[in-house]
C-alpha atoms as a PDB file:
ATOM      1  CA  MET A   1     114.004 119.221  76.455  1.00  0.00           C
ATOM      2  CA  LYS A   2     115.126 117.101  73.429  1.00  0.00           C
ATOM      3  CA  ARG A   3     119.159 117.805  72.531  1.00  0.00           C
ATOM      4  CA  MET A   4     121.325 116.397  69.901  1.00  0.00           C
ATOM      5  CA  ILE A   5     124.925 116.261  70.976  1.00  0.00           C
ATOM      6  CA  ILE A   6     127.727 116.914  68.296  1.00  0.00           C
ATOM      7  CA  THR A   7     131.824 116.584  69.233  1.00  0.00           C
ATOM      8  CA  VAL A   8     133.609 117.139  67.427  1.00  0.00           C
ATOM      9  CA  ALA A   9     136.790 114.627  67.538  1.00  0.00           C
ATOM     10  CA  VAL A  10     139.868 116.472  68.004  1.00  0.00           C
ATOM     11  CA  VAL A  11     143.872 115.654  68.561  1.00  0.00           C
ATOM     12  CA  ALA A  12     144.917 115.689  71.815  1.00  0.00           C
ATOM     13  CA  LEU A  13     148.080 118.727  71.700  1.00  0.00           C
ATOM     14  CA  SER A  14     149.982 119.667  74.967  1.00  0.00           C
ATOM     15  CA  ALA A  15     150.595 122.553  76.292  1.00  0.00           C
ATOM     16  CA  SER A  16     149.731 123.764  72.839  1.00  0.00           C
ATOM     17  CA  SER A  17     149.140 127.437  73.074  1.00  0.00           C
ATOM     18  CA  ALA A  18     146.557 126.938  69.605  1.00  0.00           C
ATOM     19  CA  LEU A  19     143.458 125.453  72.154  1.00  0.00           C
ATOM     20  CA  ALA A  20     141.160 128.204  73.160  1.00  0.00           C
ATOM     21  CA  GLY A  21     139.552 125.680  75.492  1.00  0.00           C
ATOM     22  CA  ASN A  22     136.568 124.411  75.082  1.00  0.00           C
ATOM     23  CA  ILE A  23     133.390 125.723  72.779  1.00  0.00           C
ATOM     24  CA  ALA A  24     130.231 125.406  73.431  1.00  0.00           C
ATOM     25  CA  VAL A  25     127.284 125.725  70.305  1.00  0.00           C
ATOM     26  CA  SER A  26     123.952 126.362  71.387  1.00  0.00           C
ATOM     27  CA  VAL A  27     121.552 126.508  67.830  1.00  0.00           C
ATOM     28  CA  ALA A  28     118.077 126.124  66.051  1.00  0.00           C
ATOM     29  CA  PRO A  29     117.712 123.674  62.968  1.00  0.00           C
ATOM     30  CA  ALA A  30     116.442 125.989  60.480  1.00  0.00           C
ATOM     31  CA  GLY A  31     116.949 124.526  57.145  1.00  0.00           C
ATOM     32  CA  GLN A  32     119.614 124.661  55.058  1.00  0.00           C
ATOM     33  CA  PHE A  33     121.834 127.458  55.702  1.00  0.00           C
ATOM     34  CA  THR A  34     121.879 126.128  59.375  1.00  0.00           C
ATOM     35  CA  THR A  35     123.587 122.548  58.738  1.00  0.00           C
ATOM     36  CA  VAL A  36     126.165 124.750  56.807  1.00  0.00           C
ATOM     37  CA  MET A  37     126.778 126.770  58.953  1.00  0.00           C
ATOM     38  CA  VAL A  38     126.867 124.507  61.748  1.00  0.00           C
ATOM     39  CA  GLU A  39     129.301 122.359  59.568  1.00  0.00           C
ATOM     40  CA  THR A  40     131.653 124.444  58.933  1.00  0.00           C
ATOM     41  CA  MET A  41     132.293 125.071  62.197  1.00  0.00           C
ATOM     42  CA  GLN A  42     132.919 121.873  63.302  1.00  0.00           C
ATOM     43  CA  LYS A  43     135.321 122.025  60.398  1.00  0.00           C
ATOM     44  CA  ARG A  44     136.815 124.964  61.371  1.00  0.00           C
ATOM     45  CA  ALA A  45     137.159 123.910  64.599  1.00  0.00           C
ATOM     46  CA  ALA A  46     138.415 120.458  63.802  1.00  0.00           C
ATOM     47  CA  GLU A  47     141.832 122.331  61.619  1.00  0.00           C
ATOM     48  CA  LEU A  48     142.619 124.714  64.598  1.00  0.00           C
ATOM     49  CA  ASN A  49     142.640 120.756  66.578  1.00  0.00           C
ATOM     50  CA  GLN A  50     139.875 123.201  68.918  1.00  0.00           C
ATOM     51  CA  PRO A  51     137.175 121.063  70.848  1.00  0.00           C
ATOM     52  CA  ILE A  52     133.647 122.192  69.782  1.00  0.00           C
ATOM     53  CA  GLN A  53     129.873 121.118  70.780  1.00  0.00           C
ATOM     54  CA  VAL A  54     127.129 121.925  69.022  1.00  0.00           C
ATOM     55  CA  GLU A  55     124.022 121.446  70.982  1.00  0.00           C
ATOM     56  CA  TYR A  56     120.465 122.342  68.749  1.00  0.00           C
ATOM     57  CA  ILE A  57     117.663 123.583  70.443  1.00  0.00           C
ATOM     58  CA  GLU A  58     114.368 124.451  70.591  1.00  0.00           C
ATOM     59  CA  ARG A  59     112.916 127.362  69.423  1.00  0.00           C
ATOM     60  CA  ASP A  60     112.003 128.357  72.498  1.00  0.00           C
ATOM     61  CA  ALA A  61     114.021 131.465  74.311  1.00  0.00           C
ATOM     62  CA  ASN A  62     113.557 130.156  78.164  1.00  0.00           C
ATOM     63  CA  LYS A  63     115.229 126.276  77.205  1.00  0.00           C
ATOM     64  CA  GLN A  64     118.046 128.879  75.549  1.00  0.00           C
ATOM     65  CA  GLN A  65     118.928 130.459  78.484  1.00  0.00           C
ATOM     66  CA  SER A  66     118.556 127.534  80.567  1.00  0.00           C
ATOM     67  CA  GLN A  67     120.823 125.457  77.930  1.00  0.00           C
ATOM     68  CA  ILE A  68     123.142 128.033  77.873  1.00  0.00           C
ATOM     69  CA  GLN A  69     123.094 128.326  82.119  1.00  0.00           C
ATOM     70  CA  ASN A  70     124.174 124.687  81.849  1.00  0.00           C
ATOM     71  CA  PHE A  71     127.103 125.535  79.412  1.00  0.00           C
ATOM     72  CA  ILE A  72     128.347 128.501  81.587  1.00  0.00           C
ATOM     73  CA  ALA A  73     127.842 125.765  85.009  1.00  0.00           C
ATOM     74  CA  ASP A  74     130.091 122.829  82.645  1.00  0.00           C
ATOM     75  CA  LYS A  75     132.763 126.026  82.445  1.00  0.00           C
ATOM     76  CA  VAL A  76     133.048 126.003  78.732  1.00  0.00           C
ATOM     77  CA  ASP A  77     135.788 128.581  78.167  1.00  0.00           C
ATOM     78  CA  ALA A  78     133.324 130.728  75.054  1.00  0.00           C
ATOM     79  CA  LEU A  79     130.224 130.637  73.518  1.00  0.00           C
ATOM     80  CA  ILE A  80     129.100 130.719  70.741  1.00  0.00           C
ATOM     81  CA  VAL A  81     124.876 131.728  69.893  1.00  0.00           C
ATOM     82  CA  VAL A  82     122.149 131.577  67.640  1.00  0.00           C
ATOM     83  CA  PRO A  83     119.767 133.248  69.442  1.00  0.00           C
ATOM     84  CA  VAL A  84     116.492 131.699  69.121  1.00  0.00           C
ATOM     85  CA  GLU A  85     115.081 135.266  69.957  1.00  0.00           C
ATOM     86  CA  THR A  86     115.997 139.115  69.279  1.00  0.00           C
ATOM     87  CA  SER A  87     114.815 140.460  71.502  1.00  0.00           C
ATOM     88  CA  ALA A  88     116.484 137.580  74.218  1.00  0.00           C
ATOM     89  CA  SER A  89     119.675 138.067  74.526  1.00  0.00           C
ATOM     90  CA  PRO A  90     119.920 140.665  76.944  1.00  0.00           C
ATOM     91  CA  PRO A  91     120.016 137.770  79.717  1.00  0.00           C
ATOM     92  CA  ILE A  92     121.877 135.683  77.541  1.00  0.00           C
ATOM     93  CA  THR A  93     124.729 138.428  77.095  1.00  0.00           C
ATOM     94  CA  LYS A  94     124.877 139.272  81.457  1.00  0.00           C
ATOM     95  CA  MET A  95     125.422 135.564  82.429  1.00  0.00           C
ATOM     96  CA  ALA A  96     127.923 135.149  80.067  1.00  0.00           C
ATOM     97  CA  ALA A  97     129.481 138.239  81.192  1.00  0.00           C
ATOM     98  CA  ASP A  98     128.798 137.730  85.104  1.00  0.00           C
ATOM     99  CA  ALA A  99     130.805 134.490  84.457  1.00  0.00           C
ATOM    100  CA  GLY A 100     133.256 136.120  82.267  1.00  0.00           C
ATOM    101  CA  ILE A 101     132.778 133.152  79.471  1.00  0.00           C
ATOM    102  CA  PRO A 102     133.779 134.834  75.694  1.00  0.00           C
ATOM    103  CA  LEU A 103     130.506 135.231  74.039  1.00  0.00           C
ATOM    104  CA  ILE A 104     129.937 135.198  70.237  1.00  0.00           C
ATOM    105  CA  TYR A 105     126.700 135.596  68.723  1.00  0.00           C
ATOM    106  CA  VAL A 106     126.228 134.646  65.520  1.00  0.00           C
ATOM    107  CA  ASN A 107     124.221 135.018  62.095  1.00  0.00           C
ATOM    108  CA  ALA A 108     120.933 136.594  64.454  1.00  0.00           C
ATOM    109  CA  GLY A 109     122.071 140.009  65.750  1.00  0.00           C
ATOM    110  CA  PRO A 110     121.183 140.487  69.622  1.00  0.00           C
ATOM    111  CA  SER A 111     119.217 142.862  70.199  1.00  0.00           C
ATOM    112  CA  ASP A 112     121.646 144.068  72.474  1.00  0.00           C
ATOM    113  CA  LEU A 113     124.072 144.308  70.013  1.00  0.00           C
ATOM    114  CA  ASP A 114     125.582 148.000  70.969  1.00  0.00           C
ATOM    115  CA  GLN A 115     126.225 146.722  73.931  1.00  0.00           C
ATOM    116  CA  LEU A 116     128.110 143.753  74.491  1.00  0.00           C
ATOM    117  CA  GLY A 117     131.176 144.622  75.982  1.00  0.00           C
ATOM    118  CA  PRO A 118     135.285 143.324  74.809  1.00  0.00           C
ATOM    119  CA  LYS A 119     134.358 140.020  75.518  1.00  0.00           C
ATOM    120  CA  ALA A 120     131.388 139.270  73.701  1.00  0.00           C
ATOM    121  CA  ALA A 121     131.158 140.219  69.808  1.00  0.00           C
ATOM    122  CA  PHE A 122     128.660 139.226  66.534  1.00  0.00           C
ATOM    123  CA  VAL A 123     129.921 137.743  63.763  1.00  0.00           C
ATOM    124  CA  GLY A 124     126.794 137.517  60.729  1.00  0.00           C
ATOM    125  CA  SER A 125     125.256 140.010  57.259  1.00  0.00           C
ATOM    126  CA  ASP A 126     124.027 143.019  57.589  1.00  0.00           C
ATOM    127  CA  GLU A 127     119.815 141.590  56.976  1.00  0.00           C
ATOM    128  CA  ILE A 128     118.406 145.493  56.299  1.00  0.00           C
ATOM    129  CA  GLN A 129     121.723 145.174  53.394  1.00  0.00           C
ATOM    130  CA  ALA A 130     119.965 141.000  52.132  1.00  0.00           C
ATOM    131  CA  GLY A 131     116.027 143.145  51.747  1.00  0.00           C
ATOM    132  CA  VAL A 132     117.007 146.314  50.104  1.00  0.00           C
ATOM    133  CA  LEU A 133     119.366 143.773  47.250  1.00  0.00           C
ATOM    134  CA  GLU A 134     116.123 141.842  47.290  1.00  0.00           C
ATOM    135  CA  THR A 135     113.615 144.484  47.163  1.00  0.00           C
ATOM    136  CA  GLU A 136     115.643 146.995  44.321  1.00  0.00           C
ATOM    137  CA  GLU A 137     116.088 143.930  41.892  1.00  0.00           C
ATOM    138  CA  ILE A 138     112.767 142.818  42.019  1.00  0.00           C
ATOM    139  CA  CYS A 139     111.655 146.663  41.378  1.00  0.00           C
ATOM    140  CA  ARG A 140     113.592 147.022  38.358  1.00  0.00           C
ATOM    141  CA  ILE A 141     112.608 143.339  37.024  1.00  0.00           C
ATOM    142  CA  LEU A 142     109.344 144.700  36.982  1.00  0.00           C
ATOM    143  CA  LYS A 143     109.455 147.888  35.931  1.00  0.00           C
ATOM    144  CA  GLU A 144     111.959 146.248  32.879  1.00  0.00           C
ATOM    145  CA  ARG A 145     108.814 143.823  32.370  1.00  0.00           C
ATOM    146  CA  GLY A 146     106.070 147.122  31.755  1.00  0.00           C
ATOM    147  CA  LYS A 147     104.767 145.844  35.584  1.00  0.00           C
ATOM    148  CA  THR A 148     104.692 149.500  37.092  1.00  0.00           C
ATOM    149  CA  LYS A 149      99.781 149.789  37.628  1.00  0.00           C
ATOM    150  CA  ASP A 150      98.513 148.976  39.961  1.00  0.00           C
ATOM    151  CA  ALA A 151     101.490 146.365  41.491  1.00  0.00           C
ATOM    152  CA  GLY A 152     100.688 144.815  43.917  1.00  0.00           C
ATOM    153  CA  ILE A 153     103.408 142.592  46.162  1.00  0.00           C
ATOM    154  CA  LEU A 154     102.787 140.416  48.964  1.00  0.00           C
ATOM    155  CA  ILE A 155     105.285 139.963  51.463  1.00  0.00           C
ATOM    156  CA  MET A 156     106.463 136.159  53.303  1.00  0.00           C
ATOM    157  CA  GLU A 157     108.132 136.851  56.834  1.00  0.00           C
ATOM    158  CA  GLY A 158     110.531 134.852  58.664  1.00  0.00           C
ATOM    159  CA  ILE A 159     109.687 134.395  62.442  1.00  0.00           C
ATOM    160  CA  LEU A 160     108.298 137.757  63.783  1.00  0.00           C
ATOM    161  CA  ALA A 161     110.583 137.331  67.134  1.00  0.00           C
ATOM    162  CA  GLN A 162     113.459 137.614  64.546  1.00  0.00           C
ATOM    163  CA  GLU A 163     115.865 140.098  63.729  1.00  0.00           C
ATOM    164  CA  ALA A 164     116.242 138.954  59.877  1.00  0.00           C
ATOM    165  CA  ALA A 165     112.281 138.328  59.246  1.00  0.00           C
ATOM    166  CA  VAL A 166     111.907 142.247  60.907  1.00  0.00           C
ATOM    167  CA  LYS A 167     115.140 143.807  59.521  1.00  0.00           C
ATOM    168  CA  ARG A 168     114.705 142.436  55.439  1.00  0.00           C
ATOM    169  CA  THR A 169     111.067 142.828  56.031  1.00  0.00           C
ATOM    170  CA  LYS A 170     111.771 146.062  56.664  1.00  0.00           C
ATOM    171  CA  ALA A 171     113.784 146.600  53.855  1.00  0.00           C
ATOM    172  CA  ILE A 172     111.058 146.061  51.961  1.00  0.00           C
ATOM    173  CA  HIS A 173     109.254 148.713  52.937  1.00  0.00           C
ATOM    174  CA  ASP A 174     111.947 150.899  53.244  1.00  0.00           C
ATOM    175  CA  VAL A 175     112.718 150.171  49.231  1.00  0.00           C
ATOM    176  CA  ILE A 176     109.113 150.679  47.713  1.00  0.00           C
ATOM    177  CA  ALA A 177     108.752 153.560  49.954  1.00  0.00           C
ATOM    178  CA  LYS A 178     111.049 155.408  47.620  1.00  0.00           C
ATOM    179  CA  PRO A 179     110.165 156.853  44.338  1.00  0.00           C
ATOM    180  CA  GLU A 180     111.748 154.617  41.988  1.00  0.00           C
ATOM    181  CA  CYS A 181     109.720 151.673  43.228  1.00  0.00           C
ATOM    182  CA  ASN A 182     107.207 152.866  45.191  1.00  0.00           C
ATOM    183  CA  PHE A 183     104.473 151.802  41.954  1.00  0.00           C
ATOM    184  CA  MET A 184     104.614 148.249  44.484  1.00  0.00           C
ATOM    185  CA  LYS A 185     101.803 148.356  46.984  1.00  0.00           C
ATOM    186  CA  VAL A 186     101.683 146.031  49.656  1.00  0.00           C
ATOM    187  CA  ILE A 187      98.527 143.751  48.839  1.00  0.00           C
ATOM    188  CA  ASP A 188      99.722 141.335  52.347  1.00  0.00           C
ATOM    189  CA  GLU A 189     102.004 140.409  54.337  1.00  0.00           C
ATOM    190  CA  GLN A 190     101.792 137.148  56.989  1.00  0.00           C
ATOM    191  CA  PRO A 191     104.517 135.451  58.381  1.00  0.00           C
ATOM    192  CA  ALA A 192     104.991 131.597  57.147  1.00  0.00           C
ATOM    193  CA  ASN A 193     108.512 130.607  59.513  1.00  0.00           C
ATOM    194  CA  TRP A 194     110.565 130.592  57.268  1.00  0.00           C
ATOM    195  CA  ASP A 195     108.900 127.176  56.104  1.00  0.00           C
ATOM    196  CA  PRO A 196     108.407 125.957  52.686  1.00  0.00           C
ATOM    197  CA  VAL A 197     105.549 123.703  53.830  1.00  0.00           C
ATOM    198  CA  LYS A 198     103.757 127.234  55.433  1.00  0.00           C
ATOM    199  CA  ALA A 199     104.771 129.071  52.615  1.00  0.00           C
ATOM    200  CA  GLN A 200     103.001 126.932  50.550  1.00  0.00           C
ATOM    201  CA  ASP A 201      99.388 127.114  52.569  1.00  0.00           C
ATOM    202  CA  LEU A 202     100.013 130.514  53.056  1.00  0.00           C
ATOM    203  CA  MET A 203     100.121 131.446  48.892  1.00  0.00           C
ATOM    204  CA  THR A 204      97.238 128.386  48.561  1.00  0.00           C
ATOM    205  CA  ASN A 205      94.998 130.554  50.253  1.00  0.00           C
ATOM    206  CA  TRP A 206      96.309 133.698  49.153  1.00  0.00           C
ATOM    207  CA  ILE A 207      95.094 132.477  45.091  1.00  0.00           C
ATOM    208  CA  THR A 208      92.249 130.728  46.885  1.00  0.00           C
ATOM    209  CA  ALA A 209      91.283 134.888  48.464  1.00  0.00           C
ATOM    210  CA  GLY A 210      91.408 135.908  44.836  1.00  0.00           C
ATOM    211  CA  TYR A 211      95.240 137.791  45.080  1.00  0.00           C
ATOM    212  CA  LYS A 212      96.536 138.609  41.654  1.00  0.00           C
ATOM    213  CA  PRO A 213     100.037 139.537  42.915  1.00  0.00           C
ATOM    214  CA  VAL A 214     102.903 140.891  39.880  1.00  0.00           C
ATOM    215  CA  ALA A 215     105.615 139.794  42.894  1.00  0.00           C
ATOM    216  CA  VAL A 216     106.196 137.497  46.044  1.00  0.00           C
ATOM    217  CA  ILE A 217     109.074 138.759  48.043  1.00  0.00           C
ATOM    218  CA  ALA A 218     109.792 136.383  50.893  1.00  0.00           C
ATOM    219  CA  ASN A 219     112.049 136.984  53.956  1.00  0.00           C
ATOM    220  CA  ASN A 220     114.107 133.434  53.016  1.00  0.00           C
ATOM    221  CA  ASP A 221     114.517 130.750  49.885  1.00  0.00           C
ATOM    222  CA  GLU A 222     112.624 128.068  51.598  1.00  0.00           C
ATOM    223  CA  MET A 223     109.188 130.177  51.533  1.00  0.00           C
ATOM    224  CA  ALA A 224     109.791 131.316  47.660  1.00  0.00           C
ATOM    225  CA  VAL A 225     110.227 128.061  46.944  1.00  0.00           C
ATOM    226  CA  GLY A 226     107.242 127.517  49.136  1.00  0.00           C
ATOM    227  CA  ALA A 227     104.856 130.032  46.809  1.00  0.00           C
ATOM    228  CA  ILE A 228     106.293 128.252  43.367  1.00  0.00           C
ATOM    229  CA  ASN A 229     104.609 124.940  44.399  1.00  0.00           C
ATOM    230  CA  SER A 230     101.894 126.697  45.175  1.00  0.00           C
ATOM    231  CA  MET A 231     101.760 128.863  41.833  1.00  0.00           C
ATOM    232  CA  LYS A 232     102.346 125.574  40.235  1.00  0.00           C
ATOM    233  CA  ALA A 233      99.979 123.746  41.460  1.00  0.00           C
ATOM    234  CA  ALA A 234      97.443 126.135  40.806  1.00  0.00           C
ATOM    235  CA  GLY A 235      98.871 125.931  37.009  1.00  0.00           C
ATOM    236  CA  TRP A 236      99.814 130.215  37.186  1.00  0.00           C
ATOM    237  CA  ASP A 237     102.344 130.828  35.117  1.00  0.00           C
ATOM    238  CA  ARG A 238     105.204 131.368  36.620  1.00  0.00           C
ATOM    239  CA  LYS A 239     106.287 134.232  34.035  1.00  0.00           C
ATOM    240  CA  ASP A 240     102.982 136.552  35.687  1.00  0.00           C
ATOM    241  CA  VAL A 241     104.555 136.515  38.943  1.00  0.00           C
ATOM    242  CA  VAL A 242     107.984 138.287  39.913  1.00  0.00           C
ATOM    243  CA  VAL A 243     109.516 135.744  43.107  1.00  0.00           C
ATOM    244  CA  GLY A 244     112.216 136.555  45.426  1.00  0.00           C
ATOM    245  CA  GLY A 245     114.209 134.615  48.036  1.00  0.00           C
ATOM    246  CA  ILE A 246     116.984 134.548  50.638  1.00  0.00           C
ATOM    247  CA  ASP A 247     120.023 132.637  51.411  1.00  0.00           C
ATOM    248  CA  ALA A 248     120.652 131.057  47.538  1.00  0.00           C
ATOM    249  CA  ASN A 249     120.888 127.808  48.612  1.00  0.00           C
ATOM    250  CA  ASP A 250     120.537 124.950  46.152  1.00  0.00           C
ATOM    251  CA  GLU A 251     116.720 124.234  45.962  1.00  0.00           C
ATOM    252  CA  ALA A 252     116.797 127.472  45.382  1.00  0.00           C
ATOM    253  CA  LEU A 253     119.389 128.088  42.546  1.00  0.00           C
ATOM    254  CA  HIS A 254     117.654 125.334  40.898  1.00  0.00           C
ATOM    255  CA  TYR A 255     114.495 126.503  41.133  1.00  0.00           C
ATOM    256  CA  MET A 256     116.395 129.580  39.522  1.00  0.00           C
ATOM    257  CA  LYS A 257     118.536 127.568  36.697  1.00  0.00           C
ATOM    258  CA  ASN A 258     114.648 126.317  35.769  1.00  0.00           C
ATOM    259  CA  GLY A 259     113.743 129.748  35.373  1.00  0.00           C
ATOM    260  CA  ASP A 260     111.319 128.971  38.814  1.00  0.00           C
ATOM    261  CA  LEU A 261     113.370 131.521  41.095  1.00  0.00           C
ATOM    262  CA  ASP A 262     114.545 135.372  39.547  1.00  0.00           C
ATOM    263  CA  VAL A 263     115.984 136.716  42.614  1.00  0.00           C
ATOM    264  CA  THR A 264     118.164 135.137  45.490  1.00  0.00           C
ATOM    265  CA  VAL A 265     120.896 137.068  47.996  1.00  0.00           C
ATOM    266  CA  PHE A 266     124.015 135.197  48.942  1.00  0.00           C
ATOM    267  CA  GLN A 267     124.260 134.733  52.638  1.00  0.00           C
ATOM    268  CA  ASP A 268     127.765 132.948  53.058  1.00  0.00           C
ATOM    269  CA  ALA A 269     126.823 131.055  55.779  1.00  0.00           C
ATOM    270  CA  VAL A 270     130.710 129.109  55.447  1.00  0.00           C
ATOM    271  CA  GLY A 271     131.531 132.658  56.277  1.00  0.00           C
ATOM    272  CA  GLN A 272     129.755 133.551  59.609  1.00  0.00           C
ATOM    273  CA  GLY A 273     130.077 129.858  61.099  1.00  0.00           C
ATOM    274  CA  ALA A 274     134.518 129.813  60.604  1.00  0.00           C
ATOM    275  CA  GLY A 275     134.191 133.779  61.342  1.00  0.00           C
ATOM    276  CA  ALA A 276     132.119 132.429  64.419  1.00  0.00           C
ATOM    277  CA  VAL A 277     134.556 129.424  65.734  1.00  0.00           C
ATOM    278  CA  ASP A 278     138.244 131.988  64.847  1.00  0.00           C
ATOM    279  CA  THR A 279     136.758 135.054  66.816  1.00  0.00           C
ATOM    280  CA  ALA A 280     135.716 132.351  70.088  1.00  0.00           C
ATOM    281  CA  VAL A 281     139.159 130.884  69.721  1.00  0.00           C
ATOM    282  CA  LYS A 282     140.796 134.690  69.963  1.00  0.00           C
ATOM    283  CA  LEU A 283     137.941 136.163  72.232  1.00  0.00           C
ATOM    284  CA  ALA A 284     139.168 132.828  74.979  1.00  0.00           C
ATOM    285  CA  LYS A 285     142.544 133.669  74.394  1.00  0.00           C
ATOM    286  CA  GLY A 286     141.954 137.351  75.834  1.00  0.00           C
ATOM    287  CA  GLU A 287     142.423 138.587  72.065  1.00  0.00           C
ATOM    288  CA  LYS A 288     140.877 141.932  71.102  1.00  0.00           C
ATOM    289  CA  VAL A 289     138.671 141.097  68.249  1.00  0.00           C
ATOM    290  CA  LYS A 290     136.026 144.017  66.616  1.00  0.00           C
ATOM    291  CA  SER A 291     132.750 143.714  66.506  1.00  0.00           C
ATOM    292  CA  PRO A 292     130.705 143.662  64.150  1.00  0.00           C
ATOM    293  CA  VAL A 293     132.398 140.891  61.688  1.00  0.00           C
ATOM    294  CA  TRP A 294     130.342 141.626  58.606  1.00  0.00           C
ATOM    295  CA  ILE A 295     129.803 139.216  56.048  1.00  0.00           C
ATOM    296  CA  PRO A 296     129.056 140.604  52.776  1.00  0.00           C
ATOM    297  CA  PHE A 297     125.229 139.646  51.343  1.00  0.00           C
ATOM    298  CA  GLU A 298     124.965 139.674  47.560  1.00  0.00           C
ATOM    299  CA  LEU A 299     122.800 139.705  44.498  1.00  0.00           C
ATOM    300  CA  VAL A 300     122.318 136.886  43.123  1.00  0.00           C
ATOM    301  CA  THR A 301     119.994 136.404  38.909  1.00  0.00           C
ATOM    302  CA  PRO A 302     120.036 133.916  36.572  1.00  0.00           C
ATOM    303  CA  ALA A 303     122.757 136.293  34.916  1.00  0.00           C
ATOM    304  CA  ASN A 304     124.958 135.049  37.845  1.00  0.00           C
ATOM    305  CA  VAL A 305     124.000 131.924  38.914  1.00  0.00           C
ATOM    306  CA  ASP A 306     126.430 129.460  37.689  1.00  0.00           C
ATOM    307  CA  LYS A 307     128.879 130.670  40.365  1.00  0.00           C
ATOM    308  CA  TYR A 308     126.894 130.438  43.500  1.00  0.00           C
ATOM    309  CA  ILE A 309     126.049 126.911  42.076  1.00  0.00           C
ATOM    310  CA  ASN A 310     128.012 124.352  44.536  1.00  0.00           C
ATOM    311  CA  ARG A 311     129.668 127.509  45.565  1.00  0.00           C
ATOM    312  CA  LYS A 312     129.075 126.607  50.100  1.00  0.00           C
END
């Protein structure tokens, strides 16, 4: 297993109550959002003079469990984990609990969220809310444009084993089942695994198959961008298709300013990263925390996009 280890330099403080021991972070590389979140963890730890070690892991649940076992063997004082698979969280929760080590899940919610116990917590955002905000705004735009007949939509999903993909997609279906949006009909839905290249290939396949959607609803911005690039390459008029994503990353905001992306949803990478470190410190020091720690999503449209540009 290839691993890249990043350790935040800290200032040694003798007998300082600010320190919570060593905090270890397990996370898979996953684009700009994850990068900002991890950088924020490191920055927040540095502000607290708090040792933190970040290890990147492949998208393999078994390898992540092995990595966490190594952290436990090293007697770290707290764990921050972005689970690579939502359903794989119970063994991780048990390992940490058996070792008496505080555990903080961040960004990707664990499947055992309601059974974490007093020394574990989740810091993240309600993925259902993200999908609802995205889809309701697309529904509103379609009605505003008079596209309420034969309103076929295509859905691009993230990695199906992850909570974000499952819940965001469920939210899409929940919204289009409502009377005010039930004119939207799903033509097809397939995973592109959060990846812009795979999304571009998927959209190209759909175009080749003759699909003519009025909207493409993607589980994240990078897939939305891939879909847009495919439509541009095919010579489609971007005004004919409403495109939505989630995360409000820099590239997506640029696409929105240029009139290519219609909807995104701001997910606060800074809030999640800082919140995870703060929660880890509290638990490691024996303090009680309320879980989940929710970081709200925010709808981003061309009308308010300037507020989010350069916001981290």
